Amino acid sequence: MALALDWVKHLRTPADKEAFIKKLLSGRTALQRLTELMVEDGISLTDKEVSETDFEDPNWSHKQAFRNGQRSVLKKYLRIMASTRKEKE
């Protein structure tokens, strides 16, 4: 897997992209910890699945839609973070 384009899409020149990638990959410890935190948040969201008592609240569907949105964003960024692990190897 190549490094996700999301990391460098804001840069214009190949030299800028290469320099940014080097800086990014040099912060491997921080990237790993950030990934761990995101995974923990994902597990926490999974634990908050809809229960029968949630349906008593007329806004239950809004809460579920919000959780689904959070899960979707986490998946996107975890995919981007995974590309840094593959690139470093």
PDB file of N, CA and C in Angstrom:
ATOM      1  N   MET A   1       0.846  -1.175   0.000  1.00  0.00           N
ATOM      2  CA  MET A   1       0.000   0.000   0.000  1.00  0.00           C
ATOM      3  C   MET A   1       0.892   1.238   0.000  1.00  0.00           C
ATOM      4  N   ALA A   2       0.628   2.129  -0.885  1.00  0.00           N
ATOM      5  CA  ALA A   2       1.381   3.377  -0.954  1.00  0.00           C
ATOM      6  C   ALA A   2       0.825   4.359   0.076  1.00  0.00           C
ATOM      7  N   LEU A   3       1.611   5.358   0.357  1.00  0.00           N
ATOM      8  CA  LEU A   3       1.182   6.399   1.279  1.00  0.00           C
ATOM      9  C   LEU A   3      -0.074   7.058   0.730  1.00  0.00           C
ATOM     10  N   ALA A   4      -1.064   7.222   1.585  1.00  0.00           N
ATOM     11  CA  ALA A   4      -2.333   7.826   1.152  1.00  0.00           C
ATOM     12  C   ALA A   4      -2.084   9.230   0.597  1.00  0.00           C
ATOM     13  N   LEU A   5      -2.703   9.524  -0.523  1.00  0.00           N
ATOM     14  CA  LEU A   5      -2.545  10.836  -1.154  1.00  0.00           C
ATOM     15  C   LEU A   5      -3.060  11.960  -0.265  1.00  0.00           C
ATOM     16  N   ASP A   6      -3.938  11.634   0.665  1.00  0.00           N
ATOM     17  CA  ASP A   6      -4.467  12.653   1.572  1.00  0.00           C
ATOM     18  C   ASP A   6      -3.354  13.372   2.335  1.00  0.00           C
ATOM     19  N   TRP A   7      -2.256  12.681   2.578  1.00  0.00           N
ATOM     20  CA  TRP A   7      -1.153  13.282   3.319  1.00  0.00           C
ATOM     21  C   TRP A   7      -0.511  14.430   2.550  1.00  0.00           C
ATOM     22  N   VAL A   8      -0.453  14.349   1.240  1.00  0.00           N
ATOM     23  CA  VAL A   8       0.324  15.333   0.462  1.00  0.00           C
ATOM     24  C   VAL A   8      -0.505  16.122  -0.541  1.00  0.00           C
ATOM     25  N   LYS A   9      -1.800  15.967  -0.537  1.00  0.00           N
ATOM     26  CA  LYS A   9      -2.595  16.629  -1.575  1.00  0.00           C
ATOM     27  C   LYS A   9      -2.574  18.155  -1.475  1.00  0.00           C
ATOM     28  N   HIS A  10      -2.169  18.691  -0.338  1.00  0.00           N
ATOM     29  CA  HIS A  10      -2.095  20.140  -0.182  1.00  0.00           C
ATOM     30  C   HIS A  10      -0.775  20.725  -0.698  1.00  0.00           C
ATOM     31  N   LEU A  11       0.153  19.860  -1.071  1.00  0.00           N
ATOM     32  CA  LEU A  11       1.465  20.313  -1.546  1.00  0.00           C
ATOM     33  C   LEU A  11       1.503  20.325  -3.070  1.00  0.00           C
ATOM     34  N   ARG A  12       2.258  21.265  -3.619  1.00  0.00           N
ATOM     35  CA  ARG A  12       2.252  21.443  -5.073  1.00  0.00           C
ATOM     36  C   ARG A  12       3.411  20.754  -5.791  1.00  0.00           C
ATOM     37  N   THR A  13       4.597  20.840  -5.261  1.00  0.00           N
ATOM     38  CA  THR A  13       5.750  20.320  -5.996  1.00  0.00           C
ATOM     39  C   THR A  13       6.173  18.950  -5.468  1.00  0.00           C
ATOM     40  N   PRO A  14       6.777  18.143  -6.336  1.00  0.00           N
ATOM     41  CA  PRO A  14       7.283  16.839  -5.880  1.00  0.00           C
ATOM     42  C   PRO A  14       8.317  16.972  -4.759  1.00  0.00           C
ATOM     43  N   ALA A  15       9.120  18.020  -4.805  1.00  0.00           N
ATOM     44  CA  ALA A  15      10.132  18.225  -3.758  1.00  0.00           C
ATOM     45  C   ALA A  15       9.454  18.497  -2.409  1.00  0.00           C
ATOM     46  N   ASP A  16       8.400  19.310  -2.428  1.00  0.00           N
ATOM     47  CA  ASP A  16       7.657  19.583  -1.195  1.00  0.00           C
ATOM     48  C   ASP A  16       7.018  18.312  -0.651  1.00  0.00           C
ATOM     49  N   LYS A  17       6.476  17.514  -1.558  1.00  0.00           N
ATOM     50  CA  LYS A  17       5.841  16.263  -1.149  1.00  0.00           C
ATOM     51  C   LYS A  17       6.857  15.309  -0.523  1.00  0.00           C
ATOM     52  N   GLU A  18       8.013  15.202  -1.153  1.00  0.00           N
ATOM     53  CA  GLU A  18       9.055  14.305  -0.645  1.00  0.00           C
ATOM     54  C   GLU A  18       9.546  14.761   0.730  1.00  0.00           C
ATOM     55  N   ALA A  19       9.753  16.055   0.890  1.00  0.00           N
ATOM     56  CA  ALA A  19      10.213  16.588   2.177  1.00  0.00           C
ATOM     57  C   ALA A  19       9.163  16.348   3.262  1.00  0.00           C
ATOM     58  N   PHE A  20       7.908  16.543   2.909  1.00  0.00           N
ATOM     59  CA  PHE A  20       6.835  16.327   3.886  1.00  0.00           C
ATOM     60  C   PHE A  20       6.751  14.863   4.296  1.00  0.00           C
ATOM     61  N   ILE A  21       6.863  13.966   3.340  1.00  0.00           N
ATOM     62  CA  ILE A  21       6.798  12.537   3.630  1.00  0.00           C
ATOM     63  C   ILE A  21       7.929  12.123   4.575  1.00  0.00           C
ATOM     64  N   LYS A  22       9.117  12.651   4.343  1.00  0.00           N
ATOM     65  CA  LYS A  22      10.246  12.337   5.233  1.00  0.00           C
ATOM     66  C   LYS A  22       9.961  12.802   6.656  1.00  0.00           C
ATOM     67  N   LYS A  23       9.426  14.017   6.796  1.00  0.00           N
ATOM     68  CA  LYS A  23       9.085  14.539   8.124  1.00  0.00           C
ATOM     69  C   LYS A  23       7.982  13.702   8.769  1.00  0.00           C
ATOM     70  N   LEU A  24       6.999  13.363   7.975  1.00  0.00           N
ATOM     71  CA  LEU A  24       5.875  12.582   8.478  1.00  0.00           C
ATOM     72  C   LEU A  24       6.336  11.235   9.012  1.00  0.00           C
ATOM     73  N   LEU A  25       7.120  10.537   8.236  1.00  0.00           N
ATOM     74  CA  LEU A  25       7.557   9.202   8.625  1.00  0.00           C
ATOM     75  C   LEU A  25       8.580   9.228   9.760  1.00  0.00           C
ATOM     76  N   SER A  26       9.239  10.349   9.970  1.00  0.00           N
ATOM     77  CA  SER A  26      10.188  10.445  11.082  1.00  0.00           C
ATOM     78  C   SER A  26       9.459  10.535  12.425  1.00  0.00           C
ATOM     79  N   GLY A  27       8.186  10.865  12.399  1.00  0.00           N
ATOM     80  CA  GLY A  27       7.386  10.959  13.625  1.00  0.00           C
ATOM     81  C   GLY A  27       6.603   9.690  13.885  1.00  0.00           C
ATOM     82  N   ARG A  28       7.205   8.565  13.603  1.00  0.00           N
ATOM     83  CA  ARG A  28       6.524   7.268  13.686  1.00  0.00           C
ATOM     84  C   ARG A  28       5.903   6.999  15.062  1.00  0.00           C
ATOM     85  N   THR A  29       6.589   7.349  16.136  1.00  0.00           N
ATOM     86  CA  THR A  29       6.070   7.099  17.484  1.00  0.00           C
ATOM     87  C   THR A  29       4.759   7.850  17.705  1.00  0.00           C
ATOM     88  N   ALA A  30       4.744   9.102  17.310  1.00  0.00           N
ATOM     89  CA  ALA A  30       3.524   9.904  17.466  1.00  0.00           C
ATOM     90  C   ALA A  30       2.397   9.344  16.599  1.00  0.00           C
ATOM     91  N   LEU A  31       2.718   8.937  15.381  1.00  0.00           N
ATOM     92  CA  LEU A  31       1.704   8.368  14.495  1.00  0.00           C
ATOM     93  C   LEU A  31       1.140   7.070  15.065  1.00  0.00           C
ATOM     94  N   GLN A  32       2.012   6.243  15.638  1.00  0.00           N
ATOM     95  CA  GLN A  32       1.540   4.985  16.227  1.00  0.00           C
ATOM     96  C   GLN A  32       0.609   5.246  17.400  1.00  0.00           C
ATOM     97  N   ARG A  33       0.979   6.198  18.262  1.00  0.00           N
ATOM     98  CA  ARG A  33       0.130   6.492  19.416  1.00  0.00           C
ATOM     99  C   ARG A  33      -1.199   7.086  18.979  1.00  0.00           C
ATOM    100  N   LEU A  34      -1.178   7.960  18.002  1.00  0.00           N
ATOM    101  CA  LEU A  34      -2.421   8.529  17.487  1.00  0.00           C
ATOM    102  C   LEU A  34      -3.316   7.433  16.926  1.00  0.00           C
ATOM    103  N   THR A  35      -2.745   6.486  16.215  1.00  0.00           N
ATOM    104  CA  THR A  35      -3.514   5.357  15.692  1.00  0.00           C
ATOM    105  C   THR A  35      -4.127   4.551  16.831  1.00  0.00           C
ATOM    106  N   GLU A  36      -3.349   4.300  17.879  1.00  0.00           N
ATOM    107  CA  GLU A  36      -3.866   3.561  19.031  1.00  0.00           C
ATOM    108  C   GLU A  36      -5.046   4.282  19.663  1.00  0.00           C
ATOM    109  N   LEU A  37      -4.939   5.599  19.810  1.00  0.00           N
ATOM    110  CA  LEU A  37      -6.042   6.384  20.382  1.00  0.00           C
ATOM    111  C   LEU A  37      -7.291   6.308  19.512  1.00  0.00           C
ATOM    112  N   MET A  38      -7.094   6.347  18.207  1.00  0.00           N
ATOM    113  CA  MET A  38      -8.227   6.267  17.291  1.00  0.00           C
ATOM    114  C   MET A  38      -8.895   4.900  17.362  1.00  0.00           C
ATOM    115  N   VAL A  39      -8.107   3.845  17.472  1.00  0.00           N
ATOM    116  CA  VAL A  39      -8.662   2.492  17.600  1.00  0.00           C
ATOM    117  C   VAL A  39      -9.462   2.393  18.904  1.00  0.00           C
ATOM    118  N   GLU A  40      -8.918   2.945  19.985  1.00  0.00           N
ATOM    119  CA  GLU A  40      -9.641   2.944  21.261  1.00  0.00           C
ATOM    120  C   GLU A  40     -10.978   3.667  21.132  1.00  0.00           C
ATOM    121  N   ASP A  41     -10.976   4.805  20.444  1.00  0.00           N
ATOM    122  CA  ASP A  41     -12.228   5.533  20.231  1.00  0.00           C
ATOM    123  C   ASP A  41     -13.210   4.710  19.400  1.00  0.00           C
ATOM    124  N   GLY A  42     -12.699   3.992  18.423  1.00  0.00           N
ATOM    125  CA  GLY A  42     -13.559   3.137  17.602  1.00  0.00           C
ATOM    126  C   GLY A  42     -14.196   2.036  18.432  1.00  0.00           C
ATOM    127  N   ILE A  43     -13.421   1.443  19.330  1.00  0.00           N
ATOM    128  CA  ILE A  43     -13.954   0.400  20.211  1.00  0.00           C
ATOM    129  C   ILE A  43     -15.021   0.997  21.117  1.00  0.00           C
ATOM    130  N   SER A  44     -14.757   2.182  21.636  1.00  0.00           N
ATOM    131  CA  SER A  44     -15.716   2.861  22.497  1.00  0.00           C
ATOM    132  C   SER A  44     -17.033   3.120  21.758  1.00  0.00           C
ATOM    133  N   LEU A  45     -16.926   3.522  20.492  1.00  0.00           N
ATOM    134  CA  LEU A  45     -18.136   3.759  19.692  1.00  0.00           C
ATOM    135  C   LEU A  45     -18.907   2.467  19.463  1.00  0.00           C
ATOM    136  N   THR A  46     -18.193   1.393  19.246  1.00  0.00           N
ATOM    137  CA  THR A  46     -18.837   0.097  19.026  1.00  0.00           C
ATOM    138  C   THR A  46     -19.581  -0.337  20.285  1.00  0.00           C
ATOM    139  N   ASP A  47     -19.012  -0.032  21.439  1.00  0.00           N
ATOM    140  CA  ASP A  47     -19.656  -0.382  22.705  1.00  0.00           C
ATOM    141  C   ASP A  47     -20.935   0.408  22.945  1.00  0.00           C
ATOM    142  N   LYS A  48     -21.120   1.509  22.235  1.00  0.00           N
ATOM    143  CA  LYS A  48     -22.291   2.363  22.402  1.00  0.00           C
ATOM    144  C   LYS A  48     -23.388   2.034  21.386  1.00  0.00           C
ATOM    145  N   GLU A  49     -23.506   0.783  21.020  1.00  0.00           N
ATOM    146  CA  GLU A  49     -24.540   0.387  20.069  1.00  0.00           C
ATOM    147  C   GLU A  49     -25.921   0.688  20.650  1.00  0.00           C
ATOM    148  N   VAL A  50     -26.909   0.718  19.794  1.00  0.00           N
ATOM    149  CA  VAL A  50     -28.278   1.021  20.200  1.00  0.00           C
ATOM    150  C   VAL A  50     -28.823  -0.097  21.081  1.00  0.00           C
ATOM    151  N   SER A  51     -29.402   0.300  22.201  1.00  0.00           N
ATOM    152  CA  SER A  51     -30.077  -0.670  23.064  1.00  0.00           C
ATOM    153  C   SER A  51     -31.583  -0.415  22.980  1.00  0.00           C
ATOM    154  N   GLU A  52     -32.357  -1.310  23.503  1.00  0.00           N
ATOM    155  CA  GLU A  52     -33.819  -1.151  23.445  1.00  0.00           C
ATOM    156  C   GLU A  52     -34.283   0.110  24.154  1.00  0.00           C
ATOM    157  N   THR A  53     -33.588   0.490  25.224  1.00  0.00           N
ATOM    158  CA  THR A  53     -33.995   1.705  25.943  1.00  0.00           C
ATOM    159  C   THR A  53     -33.743   2.965  25.119  1.00  0.00           C
ATOM    160  N   ASP A  54     -32.816   2.905  24.176  1.00  0.00           N
ATOM    161  CA  ASP A  54     -32.559   4.065  23.320  1.00  0.00           C
ATOM    162  C   ASP A  54     -33.794   4.435  22.490  1.00  0.00           C
ATOM    163  N   PHE A  55     -34.594   3.452  22.164  1.00  0.00           N
ATOM    164  CA  PHE A  55     -35.766   3.705  21.328  1.00  0.00           C
ATOM    165  C   PHE A  55     -36.848   4.487  22.070  1.00  0.00           C
ATOM    166  N   GLU A  56     -36.736   4.590  23.382  1.00  0.00           N
ATOM    167  CA  GLU A  56     -37.693   5.383  24.152  1.00  0.00           C
ATOM    168  C   GLU A  56     -37.481   6.873  23.914  1.00  0.00           C
ATOM    169  N   ASP A  57     -36.303   7.243  23.506  1.00  0.00           N
ATOM    170  CA  ASP A  57     -35.982   8.643  23.199  1.00  0.00           C
ATOM    171  C   ASP A  57     -36.386   8.914  21.750  1.00  0.00           C
ATOM    172  N   PRO A  58     -37.223   9.924  21.515  1.00  0.00           N
ATOM    173  CA  PRO A  58     -37.655  10.205  20.136  1.00  0.00           C
ATOM    174  C   PRO A  58     -36.505  10.614  19.210  1.00  0.00           C
ATOM    175  N   ASN A  59     -35.368  10.961  19.771  1.00  0.00           N
ATOM    176  CA  ASN A  59     -34.213  11.371  18.965  1.00  0.00           C
ATOM    177  C   ASN A  59     -33.202  10.254  18.785  1.00  0.00           C
ATOM    178  N   TRP A  60     -33.595   9.009  19.025  1.00  0.00           N
ATOM    179  CA  TRP A  60     -32.647   7.897  18.964  1.00  0.00           C
ATOM    180  C   TRP A  60     -31.987   7.801  17.591  1.00  0.00           C
ATOM    181  N   SER A  61     -32.740   8.091  16.538  1.00  0.00           N
ATOM    182  CA  SER A  61     -32.162   7.947  15.189  1.00  0.00           C
ATOM    183  C   SER A  61     -31.074   8.992  14.937  1.00  0.00           C
ATOM    184  N   HIS A  62     -31.223  10.161  15.551  1.00  0.00           N
ATOM    185  CA  HIS A  62     -30.196  11.189  15.404  1.00  0.00           C
ATOM    186  C   HIS A  62     -28.913  10.773  16.121  1.00  0.00           C
ATOM    187  N   LYS A  63     -29.068  10.175  17.291  1.00  0.00           N
ATOM    188  CA  LYS A  63     -27.904   9.691  18.034  1.00  0.00           C
ATOM    189  C   LYS A  63     -27.185   8.606  17.242  1.00  0.00           C
ATOM    190  N   GLN A  64     -27.960   7.691  16.658  1.00  0.00           N
ATOM    191  CA  GLN A  64     -27.352   6.610  15.894  1.00  0.00           C
ATOM    192  C   GLN A  64     -26.666   7.143  14.642  1.00  0.00           C
ATOM    193  N   ALA A  65     -27.294   8.104  13.984  1.00  0.00           N
ATOM    194  CA  ALA A  65     -26.673   8.707  12.796  1.00  0.00           C
ATOM    195  C   ALA A  65     -25.366   9.404  13.169  1.00  0.00           C
ATOM    196  N   PHE A  66     -25.348  10.063  14.317  1.00  0.00           N
ATOM    197  CA  PHE A  66     -24.134  10.726  14.788  1.00  0.00           C
ATOM    198  C   PHE A  66     -23.027   9.705  15.034  1.00  0.00           C
ATOM    199  N   ARG A  67     -23.355   8.604  15.711  1.00  0.00           N
ATOM    200  CA  ARG A  67     -22.367   7.549  15.969  1.00  0.00           C
ATOM    201  C   ARG A  67     -21.852   6.952  14.656  1.00  0.00           C
ATOM    202  N   ASN A  68     -22.769   6.741  13.715  1.00  0.00           N
ATOM    203  CA  ASN A  68     -22.352   6.197  12.413  1.00  0.00           C
ATOM    204  C   ASN A  68     -21.392   7.149  11.709  1.00  0.00           C
ATOM    205  N   GLY A  69     -21.659   8.438  11.809  1.00  0.00           N
ATOM    206  CA  GLY A  69     -20.778   9.436  11.207  1.00  0.00           C
ATOM    207  C   GLY A  69     -19.402   9.431  11.856  1.00  0.00           C
ATOM    208  N   GLN A  70     -19.380   9.324  13.189  1.00  0.00           N
ATOM    209  CA  GLN A  70     -18.095   9.263  13.885  1.00  0.00           C
ATOM    210  C   GLN A  70     -17.310   8.031  13.450  1.00  0.00           C
ATOM    211  N   ARG A  71     -17.997   6.890  13.357  1.00  0.00           N
ATOM    212  CA  ARG A  71     -17.338   5.654  12.933  1.00  0.00           C
ATOM    213  C   ARG A  71     -16.762   5.796  11.528  1.00  0.00           C
ATOM    214  N   SER A  72     -17.521   6.427  10.660  1.00  0.00           N
ATOM    215  CA  SER A  72     -17.088   6.613   9.277  1.00  0.00           C
ATOM    216  C   SER A  72     -15.816   7.456   9.203  1.00  0.00           C
ATOM    217  N   VAL A  73     -15.774   8.533   9.960  1.00  0.00           N
ATOM    218  CA  VAL A  73     -14.593   9.400   9.971  1.00  0.00           C
ATOM    219  C   VAL A  73     -13.397   8.652  10.547  1.00  0.00           C
ATOM    220  N   LEU A  74     -13.598   7.915  11.625  1.00  0.00           N
ATOM    221  CA  LEU A  74     -12.502   7.143  12.209  1.00  0.00           C
ATOM    222  C   LEU A  74     -11.940   6.140  11.210  1.00  0.00           C
ATOM    223  N   LYS A  75     -12.818   5.458  10.489  1.00  0.00           N
ATOM    224  CA  LYS A  75     -12.352   4.486   9.492  1.00  0.00           C
ATOM    225  C   LYS A  75     -11.512   5.158   8.423  1.00  0.00           C
ATOM    226  N   LYS A  76     -11.952   6.342   7.987  1.00  0.00           N
ATOM    227  CA  LYS A  76     -11.214   7.071   6.955  1.00  0.00           C
ATOM    228  C   LYS A  76      -9.806   7.406   7.446  1.00  0.00           C
ATOM    229  N   TYR A  77      -9.705   7.965   8.646  1.00  0.00           N
ATOM    230  CA  TYR A  77      -8.399   8.367   9.144  1.00  0.00           C
ATOM    231  C   TYR A  77      -7.533   7.181   9.540  1.00  0.00           C
ATOM    232  N   LEU A  78      -8.130   6.102   9.980  1.00  0.00           N
ATOM    233  CA  LEU A  78      -7.340   4.896  10.262  1.00  0.00           C
ATOM    234  C   LEU A  78      -6.748   4.331   8.975  1.00  0.00           C
ATOM    235  N   ARG A  79      -7.497   4.432   7.880  1.00  0.00           N
ATOM    236  CA  ARG A  79      -6.972   4.001   6.580  1.00  0.00           C
ATOM    237  C   ARG A  79      -5.778   4.860   6.177  1.00  0.00           C
ATOM    238  N   ILE A  80      -5.896   6.163   6.396  1.00  0.00           N
ATOM    239  CA  ILE A  80      -4.797   7.071   6.069  1.00  0.00           C
ATOM    240  C   ILE A  80      -3.588   6.767   6.953  1.00  0.00           C
ATOM    241  N   MET A  81      -3.830   6.532   8.241  1.00  0.00           N
ATOM    242  CA  MET A  81      -2.733   6.221   9.162  1.00  0.00           C
ATOM    243  C   MET A  81      -2.071   4.896   8.776  1.00  0.00           C
ATOM    244  N   ALA A  82      -2.860   3.926   8.345  1.00  0.00           N
ATOM    245  CA  ALA A  82      -2.307   2.621   7.956  1.00  0.00           C
ATOM    246  C   ALA A  82      -1.328   2.770   6.800  1.00  0.00           C
ATOM    247  N   SER A  83      -1.568   3.735   5.943  1.00  0.00           N
ATOM    248  CA  SER A  83      -0.662   3.919   4.805  1.00  0.00           C
ATOM    249  C   SER A  83       0.728   4.340   5.260  1.00  0.00           C
ATOM    250  N   THR A  84       0.845   4.983   6.409  1.00  0.00           N
ATOM    251  CA  THR A  84       2.173   5.374   6.895  1.00  0.00           C
ATOM    252  C   THR A  84       2.937   4.150   7.389  1.00  0.00           C
ATOM    253  N   ARG A  85       2.236   3.179   7.963  1.00  0.00           N
ATOM    254  CA  ARG A  85       2.905   1.965   8.427  1.00  0.00           C
ATOM    255  C   ARG A  85       3.432   1.182   7.237  1.00  0.00           C
ATOM    256  N   LYS A  86       2.652   1.060   6.193  1.00  0.00           N
ATOM    257  CA  LYS A  86       3.068   0.306   5.008  1.00  0.00           C
ATOM    258  C   LYS A  86       4.230   0.991   4.306  1.00  0.00           C
ATOM    259  N   GLU A  87       4.198   2.313   4.262  1.00  0.00           N
ATOM    260  CA  GLU A  87       5.243   3.073   3.579  1.00  0.00           C
ATOM    261  C   GLU A  87       6.572   2.932   4.322  1.00  0.00           C
ATOM    262  N   LYS A  88       6.534   2.885   5.619  1.00  0.00           N
ATOM    263  CA  LYS A  88       7.759   2.823   6.433  1.00  0.00           C
ATOM    264  C   LYS A  88       8.432   1.464   6.321  1.00  0.00           C
ATOM    265  N   GLU A  89       7.648   0.419   6.129  1.00  0.00           N
ATOM    266  CA  GLU A  89       8.198  -0.958   6.083  1.00  0.00           C
ATOM    267  C   GLU A  89       8.993  -1.227   4.836  1.00  0.00           C
TER     268      GLU A  89
END
